[in-house]
Protein backbone atom coordinates (compact mmCIF):
# COMPACT_ATOMS: atom_id res chain seq x y z
CA MET A 1 29.23 103.56 50.87
CA ASP A 2 28.46 106.37 48.41
CA ASN A 3 31.13 105.02 46.04
CA ASN A 4 29.60 101.53 46.15
CA SER A 5 26.18 103.03 45.52
CA SER A 6 27.41 104.99 42.49
CA GLU A 7 29.13 101.89 41.10
CA ASP A 8 25.91 99.89 41.47
CA ASN A 9 23.95 102.63 39.71
CA SER A 10 26.45 102.71 36.83
CA LYS A 11 25.88 98.99 36.30
CA LYS A 12 22.15 99.59 36.05
CA THR A 13 22.37 101.90 33.05
CA PHE A 14 24.18 102.33 29.75
CA SER A 15 25.23 105.16 27.48
CA VAL A 16 25.50 105.55 23.73
CA ALA A 17 29.23 106.21 24.11
CA GLU A 18 29.72 103.03 26.15
CA VAL A 19 27.87 100.87 23.64
CA PHE A 20 29.65 102.40 20.63
CA SER A 21 33.05 102.19 22.31
CA PHE A 22 32.67 98.44 22.84
CA GLY A 23 31.59 97.87 19.24
CA TRP A 24 34.42 100.02 17.89
CA ASN A 25 37.20 98.45 19.99
CA LYS A 26 36.12 94.85 19.46
CA THR A 27 35.69 95.37 15.72
CA PHE A 28 39.28 96.51 15.32
CA GLN A 29 40.52 93.67 17.52
CA ASN A 30 38.86 91.22 15.10
CA LEU A 31 39.09 93.31 11.94
CA VAL A 32 40.61 90.70 9.59
CA PHE A 33 37.97 88.12 10.48
CA TYR A 34 35.10 90.54 9.93
CA ILE A 35 36.38 92.09 6.71
CA ILE A 36 36.93 88.71 5.04
CA SER A 37 33.66 87.21 6.29
CA ILE A 38 31.64 90.27 5.16
CA LEU A 39 33.34 90.26 1.76
CA ILE A 40 32.44 86.57 1.33
CA PHE A 41 28.86 87.29 2.37
CA GLY A 42 28.67 90.27 0.00
CA VAL A 43 29.98 88.36 -3.02
CA VAL A 44 27.69 85.35 -2.48
CA TYR A 45 24.71 87.63 -1.77
CA PHE A 46 25.14 89.70 -4.94
CA VAL A 47 25.71 86.59 -7.08
CA LEU A 48 22.50 85.05 -5.76
CA GLU A 49 20.64 88.35 -6.21
CA TYR A 50 21.84 88.49 -9.82
CA LEU A 51 20.68 84.92 -10.44
CA VAL A 52 17.27 85.74 -8.95
CA GLY A 53 16.70 88.43 -11.57
CA HIS A 54 18.30 86.73 -14.59
CA THR A 55 17.37 83.04 -14.52
CA GLY A 56 13.63 83.09 -15.22
CA PHE A 57 11.73 80.39 -13.36
CA LEU A 58 14.87 79.29 -11.52
CA GLY A 59 14.94 82.76 -10.00
CA THR A 60 12.37 81.57 -7.45
CA VAL A 61 14.70 78.77 -6.37
CA PHE A 62 17.63 81.15 -6.07
CA TYR A 63 15.44 83.57 -4.11
CA ILE A 64 14.72 80.84 -1.54
CA ILE A 65 18.44 80.05 -1.40
CA LEU A 66 19.16 83.77 -0.91
CA ILE A 67 16.76 83.98 2.05
CA ALA A 68 18.22 80.82 3.61
CA PHE A 69 21.76 82.16 3.10
CA SER A 70 20.80 85.45 4.79
CA PHE A 71 19.40 83.55 7.78
CA VAL A 72 22.58 81.48 8.09
CA TYR A 73 24.87 84.49 7.99
CA GLY A 74 22.72 86.49 10.40
CA TYR A 75 22.80 83.57 12.82
CA LEU A 76 26.58 83.16 12.50
CA PHE A 77 27.19 86.89 12.98
CA ILE A 78 25.33 86.87 16.29
CA LEU A 79 26.96 83.59 17.34
CA THR A 80 30.47 84.95 16.75
CA ALA A 81 29.63 88.35 18.29
CA LEU A 82 28.61 86.61 21.51
CA ARG A 83 32.01 84.88 21.51
CA VAL A 84 33.71 88.25 21.13
CA TYR A 85 31.71 89.60 24.07
CA SER A 86 32.96 86.71 26.21
CA GLY A 87 36.54 87.77 25.43
CA GLU A 88 37.44 85.45 22.57
CA LYS A 89 39.46 86.67 19.57
CA LEU A 90 38.00 85.41 16.29
CA GLU A 91 40.27 83.55 13.87
CA LEU A 92 39.43 82.41 10.36
CA SER A 93 41.26 79.12 10.92
CA LYS A 94 38.77 78.31 13.68
CA PHE A 95 35.67 79.29 11.70
CA SER A 96 34.35 75.72 11.51
CA SER A 97 34.34 75.54 15.33
CA TYR A 98 32.11 78.64 15.46
CA VAL A 99 29.44 77.02 13.29
CA LYS A 100 26.85 75.21 15.39
CA PHE A 101 23.52 74.51 13.70
CA ASP A 102 21.57 73.11 16.63
CA ASN A 103 17.99 73.78 17.75
CA ARG A 104 18.92 77.44 18.36
CA PHE A 105 19.25 77.95 14.61
CA TRP A 106 15.74 76.66 13.91
CA ASN A 107 14.32 78.73 16.78
CA TYR A 108 16.17 81.72 15.34
CA ILE A 109 14.46 81.22 11.98
CA GLY A 110 11.07 80.54 13.59
CA GLY A 111 11.34 83.61 15.79
CA SER A 112 12.36 85.79 12.84
CA ILE A 113 9.33 84.63 10.85
CA LEU A 114 6.94 85.10 13.78
CA VAL A 115 8.18 88.58 14.71
CA GLY A 116 8.34 89.50 11.03
CA ILE A 117 4.69 88.51 10.53
CA GLY A 118 3.73 90.53 13.61
CA PHE A 119 5.59 93.56 12.27
CA VAL A 120 3.88 93.28 8.86
CA ILE A 121 0.44 93.00 10.50
CA VAL A 122 1.06 96.07 12.69
CA TYR A 123 2.48 97.97 9.70
CA LEU A 124 -0.53 97.14 7.48
CA LEU A 125 -2.97 98.12 10.23
CA ILE A 126 -1.22 101.46 10.63
CA LEU A 127 -1.02 101.96 6.85
CA GLY A 128 -4.73 101.17 6.48
CA SER A 129 -5.63 103.54 9.30
CA LEU A 130 -3.56 106.34 7.74
CA ALA A 131 -5.12 105.75 4.31
CA LEU A 132 -8.61 105.93 5.81
CA MET A 133 -7.81 109.09 7.75
CA THR A 134 -6.22 110.69 4.68
CA HIS A 135 -9.48 110.26 2.79
CA PHE A 136 -11.40 112.20 5.44
CA ALA A 137 -8.57 114.58 6.31
CA LEU A 138 -8.47 116.09 2.82
CA GLN A 139 -12.04 117.33 3.32
CA ARG A 140 -11.46 119.40 6.46
CA SER A 141 -8.42 121.23 7.76
CA LEU A 142 -9.18 120.40 11.41
CA ILE A 143 -9.38 116.70 10.61
CA PHE A 144 -6.13 117.04 8.66
CA LEU A 145 -4.39 118.39 11.77
CA LEU A 146 -5.79 115.48 13.75
CA PHE A 147 -4.51 113.15 11.03
CA ILE A 148 -0.97 114.51 11.41
CA ILE A 149 -1.05 113.96 15.18
CA ILE A 150 -2.39 110.41 14.87
CA ALA A 151 0.15 109.62 12.14
CA ILE A 152 2.98 110.66 14.46
CA VAL A 153 1.54 108.61 17.33
CA LEU A 154 1.18 105.51 15.12
CA SER A 155 4.72 105.92 13.77
CA VAL A 156 6.10 106.11 17.31
CA PHE A 157 4.10 103.00 18.21
CA LEU A 158 5.63 101.12 15.27
CA VAL A 159 9.14 102.11 16.36
CA MET A 160 8.46 101.10 19.97
CA TYR A 161 7.04 97.77 18.79
CA SER A 162 10.19 97.11 16.78
CA ILE A 163 12.43 97.95 19.74
CA ALA A 164 10.42 95.84 22.19
CA PHE A 165 11.09 92.66 20.19
CA SER A 166 14.53 93.49 18.79
CA PHE A 167 16.57 91.23 21.09
CA TYR A 168 14.74 87.89 20.82
CA GLN A 169 17.39 86.56 18.40
CA TYR A 170 20.21 87.24 20.85
CA ILE A 171 18.24 85.57 23.66
CA ILE A 172 17.54 82.47 21.54
CA ILE A 173 21.18 82.06 20.52
CA ASP A 174 22.77 83.11 23.81
CA GLN A 175 20.43 81.40 26.27
CA ASN A 176 18.96 78.64 24.07
CA LYS A 177 15.42 79.66 25.00
CA GLN A 178 12.28 78.83 23.04
CA ILE A 179 10.74 81.31 20.60
CA ILE A 180 7.81 82.63 22.65
CA GLU A 181 9.91 82.75 25.82
CA SER A 182 12.61 84.76 24.01
CA ILE A 183 10.09 87.21 22.56
CA LYS A 184 8.59 87.76 26.02
CA GLU A 185 12.02 88.32 27.55
CA SER A 186 12.95 90.81 24.83
CA TYR A 187 9.83 92.78 25.71
CA HIS A 188 10.69 92.53 29.41
CA ILE A 189 14.31 93.73 29.20
CA THR A 190 13.38 96.70 26.99
CA LYS A 191 10.46 97.82 29.15
CA GLY A 192 10.93 101.41 30.33
CA LYS A 193 14.15 101.80 28.33
CA LYS A 194 12.87 102.05 24.76
CA TRP A 195 13.74 105.70 24.14
CA LYS A 196 17.29 105.19 25.33
CA ILE A 197 17.59 102.07 23.18
CA PHE A 198 16.14 104.07 20.28
CA GLY A 199 18.97 106.60 20.69
CA VAL A 200 21.59 103.83 20.45
CA LEU A 201 19.95 102.15 17.45
CA LEU A 202 19.50 105.49 15.67
CA MET A 203 23.20 106.19 16.10
CA LEU A 204 24.00 102.77 14.57
CA VAL A 205 21.65 103.39 11.63
CA ILE A 206 23.35 106.74 10.92
CA LEU A 207 26.73 105.04 11.19
CA ASN A 208 25.77 102.47 8.53
CA VAL A 209 24.33 105.16 6.25
CA VAL A 210 27.70 106.94 6.42
CA GLY A 211 29.41 103.59 5.76
CA ALA A 212 27.24 103.04 2.68
CA PHE A 213 28.08 106.50 1.32
CA LEU A 214 31.79 105.68 1.53
CA LEU A 215 31.48 103.56 -1.63
CA LEU A 216 30.10 100.73 0.56
CA ILE A 217 33.65 100.12 1.82
CA GLY A 218 32.74 101.71 5.13
CA LEU A 219 30.20 98.92 5.72
CA LEU A 220 33.11 96.53 6.24
CA ILE A 221 33.69 98.45 9.46
CA THR A 222 30.21 99.69 10.39
CA ILE A 223 28.44 96.31 10.10
CA PRO A 224 30.58 94.55 12.75
CA ILE A 225 30.48 97.68 14.93
CA THR A 226 26.68 97.51 14.76
CA ILE A 227 26.41 93.81 15.61
CA LEU A 228 28.93 93.98 18.45
CA SER A 229 27.30 97.13 19.83
CA GLU A 230 23.90 95.41 19.81
CA VAL A 231 25.31 92.36 21.60
CA PHE A 232 26.82 94.63 24.25
CA LEU A 233 23.51 96.50 24.58
CA TYR A 234 21.63 93.21 24.95
CA LYS A 235 24.00 92.05 27.69
CA LYS A 236 23.69 95.36 29.52
CA LEU A 237 19.89 95.14 29.40
CA GLU A 238 20.07 91.63 30.85
CA GLU A 239 22.27 92.92 33.69
CA ILE A 240 19.97 95.84 34.43
CA VAL A 241 16.97 93.52 34.77
């Protein structure tokens, strides 16, 4: 009975090592697919970015194309990562079968815009509050100390906000739910677990920074590790709930 209880408890939690291990193993099982797909994305992205800055008025058109291209690739990365989680091995010859631009894609874009607007609003409110407090803080040392404390609190709030709504994209694509419903569920599955999720996401950020320092070549490995780790984390959070 104790063994069954401990097994049940293990299913109701997750560890950084567990999340990273899944991302690492699955990346190397599908390494060729990810390296080639990321290289294609990188080449197209940098070409479009170059055209944005060197084609005058047409740069606006290329900028819109660049944003649309980023949405498409982000959507496809999550779509394929969910297939990997289900046990499928990705093959370049089957790439066309992975591409499914149904209503989930449009909800993915809509959700990204909505959450992005919310993030910008929260960020501007915090920035405005800090600017106002800075003005008064410079006049008195006690107020300056209070400013530092409030700045820390607001920064933590911004991070927690970001974490609370960080899985809506996976929910939209995986469960084909509507935008608002997916945002609400993301908030629900992260409730009470934000600091632990923060630890996982921080580890993935550090991993990508290291990848970028390795002449950007490391990103060919760290990007798929990150996406697959996040998919695993999302699935674990769904199980825990």
